[in-house]
Protein backbone atom coordinates (compact mmCIF):
# COMPACT_ATOMS: atom_id res chain seq x y z
CA MET A 1 323.20 189.60 59.05
CA ALA A 2 326.80 190.22 60.15
CA CYS A 3 329.37 193.10 60.39
CA PHE A 4 332.99 193.38 60.90
CA PRO A 5 333.96 195.38 64.09
CA SER A 6 336.63 197.77 63.10
CA MET A 7 336.89 196.89 59.70
CA ASN A 8 334.78 199.72 58.04
CA CYS A 9 332.60 197.00 56.11
CA ASP A 10 329.23 195.98 56.86
CA TYR A 11 327.19 193.23 55.04
CA ARG A 12 323.84 191.98 55.77
CA PHE A 13 321.71 189.01 54.25
CA PHE A 14 318.21 190.17 54.41
CA ASP A 15 315.24 187.74 54.57
CA ARG A 16 311.60 188.58 53.60
CA HIS A 17 310.63 190.08 57.03
CA GLY A 18 310.33 193.37 58.27
CA GLY A 19 309.08 195.46 55.30
CA VAL A 20 305.48 196.90 54.26
CA SER A 21 304.66 194.93 51.03
CA THR A 22 301.83 192.76 51.06
CA GLY A 23 300.42 189.51 49.25
CA ALA A 24 303.23 187.52 47.03
CA TYR A 25 305.53 190.38 48.23
CA GLU A 26 305.00 189.95 51.75
CA SER A 27 306.97 192.03 53.36
CA LEU A 28 310.56 193.21 52.76
CA ASN A 29 310.26 192.66 48.99
CA LEU A 30 313.50 194.59 47.42
CA GLY A 31 312.47 193.79 43.69
CA MET A 32 311.57 196.87 41.56
CA SER A 33 310.45 194.75 38.81
CA VAL A 34 308.45 192.19 40.10
CA GLY A 35 304.83 193.14 40.18
CA ASP A 36 305.21 194.93 43.77
CA SER A 37 304.01 198.65 44.65
CA ALA A 38 307.04 200.96 43.77
CA LEU A 39 306.17 203.05 46.96
CA HIS A 40 306.52 199.50 48.95
CA VAL A 41 309.60 198.89 47.53
CA GLN A 42 311.08 202.26 47.74
CA GLU A 43 309.95 202.17 51.61
CA ASN A 44 311.42 198.62 51.94
CA ARG A 45 314.84 199.84 50.52
CA ARG A 46 314.71 202.88 53.08
CA ARG A 47 314.56 200.50 55.84
CA VAL A 48 317.21 198.61 54.65
CA LYS A 49 319.51 201.67 54.20
CA GLU A 50 318.30 202.79 57.90
CA SER A 51 319.24 199.54 59.42
CA MET A 52 322.93 199.74 58.13
CA GLY A 53 323.37 203.25 58.51
CA ILE A 54 323.79 204.30 54.85
CA SER A 55 322.71 206.96 52.48
CA ARG A 56 323.00 205.36 49.31
CA LEU A 57 321.73 202.03 47.82
CA VAL A 58 322.82 201.05 44.23
CA SER A 59 321.21 198.05 42.21
CA ALA A 60 321.30 196.70 38.82
CA THR A 61 318.77 195.32 36.23
CA GLN A 62 320.11 191.63 36.85
CA VAL A 63 319.95 189.63 33.70
CA HIS A 64 321.98 186.53 34.40
CA GLY A 65 324.83 187.77 32.33
CA ASP A 66 328.27 188.42 33.18
CA ASP A 67 328.71 192.16 32.76
CA ILE A 68 330.21 193.79 35.89
CA CYS A 69 330.01 197.44 37.03
CA PHE A 70 332.46 199.73 38.78
CA VAL A 71 330.33 202.01 40.77
CA ASP A 72 331.93 205.40 41.50
CA ASP A 73 330.70 208.29 43.07
CA GLY A 74 329.14 209.93 40.21
CA ALA A 75 328.02 206.72 38.51
CA VAL A 76 324.52 207.24 40.00
CA ALA A 77 322.68 209.95 41.77
CA GLY A 78 321.35 208.94 45.23
CA ASP A 79 319.98 205.71 45.08
CA GLY A 80 319.39 204.05 41.56
CA SER A 81 320.05 201.13 39.03
CA VAL A 82 323.35 201.39 37.12
CA GLY A 83 321.78 199.52 34.33
CA ARG A 84 321.92 195.77 32.94
CA TYR A 85 324.67 194.38 35.05
CA ASP A 86 325.25 191.43 37.31
CA ALA A 87 328.08 192.33 39.34
CA LEU A 88 328.76 195.70 41.05
CA ILE A 89 332.21 196.77 42.39
CA THR A 90 333.00 199.87 44.34
CA THR A 91 335.50 201.78 46.74
CA ALA A 92 333.00 204.30 47.36
CA VAL A 93 332.18 204.86 51.14
CA ASP A 94 328.36 205.30 52.41
CA THR A 95 327.10 203.10 49.42
CA GLY A 96 325.33 200.01 49.60
CA LEU A 97 325.60 197.39 46.74
CA LEU A 98 322.32 195.40 46.36
CA ILE A 99 321.84 191.96 45.06
CA GLN A 100 318.34 191.05 44.45
CA GLN A 101 317.59 187.30 45.20
CA ALA A 102 314.71 184.49 45.10
CA ASP A 103 316.88 181.38 44.73
CA CYS A 104 320.05 182.87 43.30
CA GLN A 105 323.16 183.46 45.13
CA ALA A 106 324.46 186.81 46.52
CA VAL A 107 328.40 186.41 46.46
CA LEU A 108 329.61 189.29 48.19
CA LEU A 109 333.52 190.36 48.40
CA TYR A 110 335.29 192.63 50.64
CA ASP A 111 339.05 193.57 50.47
CA LYS A 112 340.39 195.03 53.77
CA ALA A 113 343.35 196.36 52.22
CA ALA A 114 342.02 198.33 49.28
CA PRO A 115 339.49 198.87 50.54
CA ALA A 116 336.79 197.83 48.26
CA ILE A 117 333.57 195.55 47.88
CA GLY A 118 331.93 193.75 45.25
CA ALA A 119 328.51 192.20 45.05
CA ILE A 120 327.72 189.53 42.38
CA HIS A 121 324.21 188.07 41.28
CA CYS A 122 325.00 184.47 40.61
CA GLY A 123 322.38 181.91 39.64
CA TRP A 124 323.32 178.64 37.57
CA ARG A 125 323.87 180.88 34.32
CA GLY A 126 326.21 182.90 36.11
CA SER A 127 328.31 180.08 37.58
CA VAL A 128 328.59 178.64 33.79
CA THR A 129 329.58 182.09 32.55
CA GLY A 130 332.05 182.17 35.51
CA ILE A 131 330.84 185.59 36.70
CA ILE A 132 332.75 185.17 40.25
CA GLY A 133 336.15 184.60 38.80
CA LYS A 134 335.35 187.57 36.33
CA THR A 135 334.55 189.70 39.17
CA VAL A 136 337.65 188.94 41.16
CA ALA A 137 339.64 189.60 38.25
CA ALA A 138 337.86 192.84 37.73
CA MET A 139 338.51 193.87 41.39
CA THR A 140 342.18 193.08 40.64
CA ASN A 141 342.19 195.46 37.76
CA TYR A 142 339.74 198.33 39.00
CA THR A 143 340.40 198.53 42.68
CA LYS A 144 343.72 196.88 43.00
CA SER A 145 342.82 194.17 45.19
CA SER A 146 344.68 191.29 45.77
CA PRO A 147 342.49 187.85 45.48
CA GLU A 148 344.40 186.75 48.36
CA SER A 149 343.13 189.43 50.57
CA LEU A 150 339.47 189.10 49.60
CA ARG A 151 336.66 187.60 51.80
CA ALA A 152 333.86 186.16 50.35
CA PHE A 153 330.26 185.50 51.77
CA ILE A 154 327.59 183.24 50.16
CA SER A 155 324.21 184.09 51.02
CA PRO A 156 321.47 181.88 51.42
CA SER A 157 320.19 180.57 48.09
CA LEU A 158 319.06 177.40 46.54
CA GLY A 159 320.63 174.31 48.31
CA PRO A 160 321.83 171.08 47.15
CA CYS A 161 318.38 169.76 48.44
CA CYS A 162 316.66 171.66 45.82
CA ALA A 163 318.90 172.51 43.07
CA GLU A 164 317.00 170.27 40.62
CA PHE A 165 318.24 170.51 36.92
CA VAL A 166 316.50 167.63 34.56
CA ASN A 167 318.21 169.12 31.52
CA TYR A 168 321.64 169.38 33.45
CA ALA A 169 323.49 167.45 30.48
CA ASP A 170 322.61 170.42 28.17
CA GLU A 171 322.84 173.01 30.68
CA LEU A 172 325.93 172.45 32.90
CA PRO A 173 329.64 171.85 31.92
CA ALA A 174 331.24 168.57 32.72
CA SER A 175 333.25 170.35 35.43
CA PHE A 176 330.25 170.43 37.73
CA LEU A 177 329.58 166.66 37.67
CA PRO A 178 331.76 166.24 40.85
CA PHE A 179 329.00 168.41 42.82
CA GLN A 180 325.94 166.31 41.66
CA THR A 181 324.49 165.16 44.81
CA SER A 182 321.89 162.77 43.27
CA ALA A 183 320.34 162.11 39.86
CA ASN A 184 319.38 165.69 39.06
CA HIS A 185 320.50 167.94 42.19
CA PHE A 186 323.75 169.87 42.23
CA ASP A 187 325.65 171.76 45.12
CA PHE A 188 325.97 175.11 43.85
CA TRP A 189 327.37 176.18 47.35
CA ARG A 190 330.49 173.98 46.69
CA ILE A 191 330.32 175.21 42.90
CA SER A 192 330.71 178.68 43.81
CA THR A 193 333.22 177.73 46.71
CA MET A 194 335.44 176.03 43.98
CA GLN A 195 335.25 178.93 41.84
CA LEU A 196 336.56 181.26 44.16
CA ILE A 197 339.56 179.47 45.54
CA GLU A 198 340.27 178.95 41.64
CA ALA A 199 340.41 182.70 41.13
CA GLY A 200 342.72 183.09 43.84
CA LEU A 201 340.93 183.45 47.37
CA THR A 202 342.08 181.31 50.19
CA ALA A 203 339.67 178.33 51.32
CA GLY A 204 339.24 179.84 54.84
CA ALA A 205 338.28 183.23 53.26
CA VAL A 206 335.00 181.80 51.87
CA HIS A 207 331.93 182.04 54.27
CA LEU A 208 328.74 180.14 53.38
CA ALA A 209 325.44 181.00 55.03
CA GLY A 210 324.32 177.25 54.06
CA LYS A 211 320.54 178.28 53.72
CA CYS A 212 318.07 176.91 51.50
CA THR A 213 315.77 179.59 50.11
CA CYS A 214 313.15 177.03 48.57
CA CYS A 215 313.13 175.04 52.00
CA ASN A 216 313.14 178.01 54.55
CA THR A 217 309.88 180.29 54.30
CA ASP A 218 311.72 182.97 55.76
CA TYR A 219 313.11 183.91 52.19
CA PHE A 220 311.28 184.31 49.05
CA SER A 221 311.84 181.47 46.56
CA TYR A 222 310.80 181.49 42.98
CA ARG A 223 311.30 177.71 42.82
CA ARG A 224 308.95 177.24 45.95
CA MET A 225 306.28 179.07 44.10
CA ARG A 226 306.44 177.46 40.78
CA ARG A 227 305.87 174.14 42.66
CA ARG A 228 302.85 175.61 44.01
CA GLY A 229 301.68 176.75 40.52
CA LEU A 230 302.60 180.15 41.40
CA ALA A 231 304.72 182.85 39.41
CA ALA A 232 304.57 185.90 41.45
CA THR A 233 307.14 186.38 44.49
CA GLY A 234 309.49 189.05 46.00
CA ARG A 235 313.14 189.16 46.15
CA GLN A 236 315.16 189.62 49.05
CA GLY A 237 318.37 191.51 49.46
CA SER A 238 322.17 190.94 50.21
CA VAL A 239 323.87 194.38 50.67
CA ILE A 240 327.57 195.06 51.28
CA ALA A 241 328.77 198.47 51.81
CA LEU A 242 332.00 200.42 52.99
CA VAL A 243 331.24 202.55 55.87
CA ASP A 244 332.90 205.43 57.39
CA THR A 245 332.25 204.59 61.14
CA VAL A 246 334.62 202.10 62.80
CA TRP A 247 332.53 199.90 64.88
């Protein structure tokens, strides 16, 4: 978890602890469509808002695509989903942008000058389609952000230790080969860093959590569960918000 003193921005990488869900979703599951009780998820999301001091939490039905939604004050009434998108951007204050994850990356963007924020759901398919660069470009168009003024934060996600792709020759482009760490493993943390820098961010503006969700049981991990022959698991959340109070 982190915040920016005197910058009117707060972002958090939540783990799986501190909620009310049970079983495979224990305990701070923020995914509404993974089989958990809707009442449990609603309470978990309320706790997230309370911890950040915000009144609204906006999410999307993430589909591993590259569509981007600009969330204005009238986009949703209160909490809610804006539809089938994998990136959200806004200039609205008191509005948390939620990315739900169980191995995929959340890439959170902040521009103090605009001010504006963005939140990207980036699995390997998103990396292949270039959703990171497309979101930076969308912020340039919608919020007048300059890539050079953006900061980026890459969440806990599947690390190079566990990002195995046995069919990588068919799934991944040749430009990813320099980031191959062993026979079938790739470093998607470095791939996202590369894509952010190619989009115009400075290298020093990219911050990496560096925690593998598959290795670390403090996080939900779809891949870890599949290795155990299980399918059900929850989704932790990464949230970024513009706040109207200077810390």
